[in-house]
Amino acid sequence: MIRISILYPKEGRFDMDYYLHQHMPRSIELLSAGKGYRGVSVERGRSGTMPGSAPSFVAMCHYLFDTDEDFMAAFLPHAAELQGDMPNYTDIEPVIQLSEVAISR
């Protein structure tokens, strides 16, 4: 299983309401129809190591797919729409990482 992490560093504008109620429902609708889709989670940054300190990321989104190929097959047909929606919720350049899930319980 692989995890696709989309991390938004705390360095610009991020409209969490739009992201949660507009962008993510559409993203889930499109990507969950793909083969190998296993789920998604969205996290809101609360603090850094010390309570009350600034978080490193304002938001994080993590998709789970069986394989890299399954993710790419689900994402690429909708890439223009999903990436084109980004200016509606952020001006932050996300950090994206694909990882192999070694342990999941």
C-alpha atoms as a PDB file:
ATOM      1  CA  MET A   1       0.000   0.000   0.000  1.00  0.00           C
ATOM      2  CA  ILE A   2       1.181   3.538  -0.679  1.00  0.00           C
ATOM      3  CA  ARG A   3       0.380   6.867   0.939  1.00  0.00           C
ATOM      4  CA  ILE A   4       0.306  10.048  -1.090  1.00  0.00           C
ATOM      5  CA  SER A   5       0.954  12.936   1.291  1.00  0.00           C
ATOM      6  CA  ILE A   6       0.151  16.491   0.244  1.00  0.00           C
ATOM      7  CA  LEU A   7       1.611  18.850   2.834  1.00  0.00           C
ATOM      8  CA  TYR A   8       0.910  22.582   2.943  1.00  0.00           C
ATOM      9  CA  PRO A   9       3.689  24.460   4.783  1.00  0.00           C
ATOM     10  CA  LYS A  10       2.521  27.311   7.005  1.00  0.00           C
ATOM     11  CA  GLU A  11       3.739  30.064   4.717  1.00  0.00           C
ATOM     12  CA  GLY A  12       0.781  31.637   2.984  1.00  0.00           C
ATOM     13  CA  ARG A  13      -2.980  31.795   2.554  1.00  0.00           C
ATOM     14  CA  PHE A  14      -5.020  28.648   3.190  1.00  0.00           C
ATOM     15  CA  ASP A  15      -8.822  28.620   3.258  1.00  0.00           C
ATOM     16  CA  MET A  16      -9.583  25.523   5.341  1.00  0.00           C
ATOM     17  CA  ASP A  17     -13.351  25.935   4.991  1.00  0.00           C
ATOM     18  CA  TYR A  18     -13.159  25.867   1.196  1.00  0.00           C
ATOM     19  CA  TYR A  19     -10.669  22.997   1.262  1.00  0.00           C
ATOM     20  CA  LEU A  20     -12.823  20.829   3.548  1.00  0.00           C
ATOM     21  CA  HIS A  21     -16.231  21.635   2.063  1.00  0.00           C
ATOM     22  CA  GLN A  22     -15.522  22.215  -1.643  1.00  0.00           C
ATOM     23  CA  HIS A  23     -12.161  20.876  -2.806  1.00  0.00           C
ATOM     24  CA  MET A  24     -11.930  17.667  -0.799  1.00  0.00           C
ATOM     25  CA  PRO A  25     -15.451  16.371  -1.517  1.00  0.00           C
ATOM     26  CA  ARG A  26     -14.768  16.785  -5.258  1.00  0.00           C
ATOM     27  CA  SER A  27     -11.304  15.270  -4.940  1.00  0.00           C
ATOM     28  CA  ILE A  28     -12.690  12.291  -3.013  1.00  0.00           C
ATOM     29  CA  GLU A  29     -15.483  11.841  -5.555  1.00  0.00           C
ATOM     30  CA  LEU A  30     -12.996  11.678  -8.427  1.00  0.00           C
ATOM     31  CA  LEU A  31     -10.165   9.689  -6.863  1.00  0.00           C
ATOM     32  CA  SER A  32     -12.253   7.201  -4.904  1.00  0.00           C
ATOM     33  CA  ALA A  33     -13.662   5.902  -8.195  1.00  0.00           C
ATOM     34  CA  GLY A  34     -10.169   4.727  -9.089  1.00  0.00           C
ATOM     35  CA  LYS A  35      -8.894   1.174  -8.776  1.00  0.00           C
ATOM     36  CA  GLY A  36      -6.929   0.555  -5.596  1.00  0.00           C
ATOM     37  CA  TYR A  37      -8.341   3.512  -3.631  1.00  0.00           C
ATOM     38  CA  ARG A  38      -8.230   2.718   0.113  1.00  0.00           C
ATOM     39  CA  GLY A  39      -9.091   6.013   1.811  1.00  0.00           C
ATOM     40  CA  VAL A  40      -8.133   9.559   2.619  1.00  0.00           C
ATOM     41  CA  SER A  41      -7.541  11.674   5.709  1.00  0.00           C
ATOM     42  CA  VAL A  42      -7.141  15.421   6.135  1.00  0.00           C
ATOM     43  CA  GLU A  43      -5.322  16.982   9.060  1.00  0.00           C
ATOM     44  CA  ARG A  44      -5.248  20.569  10.293  1.00  0.00           C
ATOM     45  CA  GLY A  45      -1.964  21.734  11.843  1.00  0.00           C
ATOM     46  CA  ARG A  46      -2.395  22.750  15.474  1.00  0.00           C
ATOM     47  CA  SER A  47       1.094  23.304  16.865  1.00  0.00           C
ATOM     48  CA  GLY A  48       4.724  22.364  16.604  1.00  0.00           C
ATOM     49  CA  THR A  49       6.652  20.314  19.138  1.00  0.00           C
ATOM     50  CA  MET A  50       5.745  22.634  21.980  1.00  0.00           C
ATOM     51  CA  PRO A  51       2.053  23.300  22.628  1.00  0.00           C
ATOM     52  CA  GLY A  52       1.153  26.731  21.332  1.00  0.00           C
ATOM     53  CA  SER A  53       4.085  26.913  18.906  1.00  0.00           C
ATOM     54  CA  ALA A  54       3.386  27.310  15.205  1.00  0.00           C
ATOM     55  CA  PRO A  55       2.780  24.093  13.249  1.00  0.00           C
ATOM     56  CA  SER A  56       5.127  23.237  10.378  1.00  0.00           C
ATOM     57  CA  PHE A  57       2.143  22.563   8.122  1.00  0.00           C
ATOM     58  CA  VAL A  58      -1.226  24.317   8.067  1.00  0.00           C
ATOM     59  CA  ALA A  59      -2.848  21.244   6.509  1.00  0.00           C
ATOM     60  CA  MET A  60      -2.032  17.741   5.312  1.00  0.00           C
ATOM     61  CA  CYS A  61      -3.935  15.354   3.087  1.00  0.00           C
ATOM     62  CA  HIS A  62      -3.071  11.657   2.880  1.00  0.00           C
ATOM     63  CA  TYR A  63      -4.514   9.328   0.252  1.00  0.00           C
ATOM     64  CA  LEU A  64      -4.074   5.558   0.409  1.00  0.00           C
ATOM     65  CA  PHE A  65      -3.886   3.448  -2.755  1.00  0.00           C
ATOM     66  CA  ASP A  66      -2.726  -0.076  -3.435  1.00  0.00           C
ATOM     67  CA  THR A  67       0.015   1.013  -5.849  1.00  0.00           C
ATOM     68  CA  ASP A  68       1.663   4.093  -7.352  1.00  0.00           C
ATOM     69  CA  GLU A  69       0.145   3.113 -10.681  1.00  0.00           C
ATOM     70  CA  ASP A  70      -3.366   2.973  -9.208  1.00  0.00           C
ATOM     71  CA  PHE A  71      -2.949   6.478  -7.818  1.00  0.00           C
ATOM     72  CA  MET A  72      -1.590   7.900 -11.062  1.00  0.00           C
ATOM     73  CA  ALA A  73      -4.388   6.242 -13.074  1.00  0.00           C
ATOM     74  CA  ALA A  74      -6.978   7.789 -10.735  1.00  0.00           C
ATOM     75  CA  PHE A  75      -5.323  11.224 -10.521  1.00  0.00           C
ATOM     76  CA  LEU A  76      -4.029  12.044 -14.006  1.00  0.00           C
ATOM     77  CA  PRO A  77      -7.414  12.253 -15.782  1.00  0.00           C
ATOM     78  CA  HIS A  78      -8.497  14.833 -13.182  1.00  0.00           C
ATOM     79  CA  ALA A  79      -5.192  16.611 -12.547  1.00  0.00           C
ATOM     80  CA  ALA A  80      -6.128  19.790 -14.431  1.00  0.00           C
ATOM     81  CA  GLU A  81      -9.408  20.173 -12.545  1.00  0.00           C
ATOM     82  CA  LEU A  82      -7.950  19.464  -9.101  1.00  0.00           C
ATOM     83  CA  GLN A  83      -4.812  21.541  -9.562  1.00  0.00           C
ATOM     84  CA  GLY A  84      -6.835  24.288 -11.215  1.00  0.00           C
ATOM     85  CA  ASP A  85      -8.948  24.554  -8.071  1.00  0.00           C
ATOM     86  CA  MET A  86      -5.936  25.255  -5.846  1.00  0.00           C
ATOM     87  CA  PRO A  87      -6.023  29.079  -6.203  1.00  0.00           C
ATOM     88  CA  ASN A  88      -9.499  28.963  -4.633  1.00  0.00           C
ATOM     89  CA  TYR A  89      -8.058  27.767  -1.321  1.00  0.00           C
ATOM     90  CA  THR A  90      -4.326  28.450  -1.243  1.00  0.00           C
ATOM     91  CA  ASP A  91      -1.290  30.216  -2.641  1.00  0.00           C
ATOM     92  CA  ILE A  92       1.033  27.690  -0.953  1.00  0.00           C
ATOM     93  CA  GLU A  93       3.152  25.328  -3.057  1.00  0.00           C
ATOM     94  CA  PRO A  94       2.467  21.921  -1.491  1.00  0.00           C
ATOM     95  CA  VAL A  95       5.120  19.367  -0.636  1.00  0.00           C
ATOM     96  CA  ILE A  96       4.098  16.014  -2.116  1.00  0.00           C
ATOM     97  CA  GLN A  97       5.528  12.644  -1.166  1.00  0.00           C
ATOM     98  CA  LEU A  98       4.633   9.083  -2.137  1.00  0.00           C
ATOM     99  CA  SER A  99       5.547   6.583   0.563  1.00  0.00           C
ATOM    100  CA  GLU A 100       5.295   2.861   0.990  1.00  0.00           C
ATOM    101  CA  VAL A 101       3.241   2.076   4.106  1.00  0.00           C
ATOM    102  CA  ALA A 102       5.411  -0.261   6.175  1.00  0.00           C
ATOM    103  CA  ILE A 103       3.102  -0.542   9.217  1.00  0.00           C
ATOM    104  CA  SER A 104      -0.606   0.234   9.461  1.00  0.00           C
ATOM    105  CA  ARG A 105      -2.951  -0.974  12.168  1.00  0.00           C
END
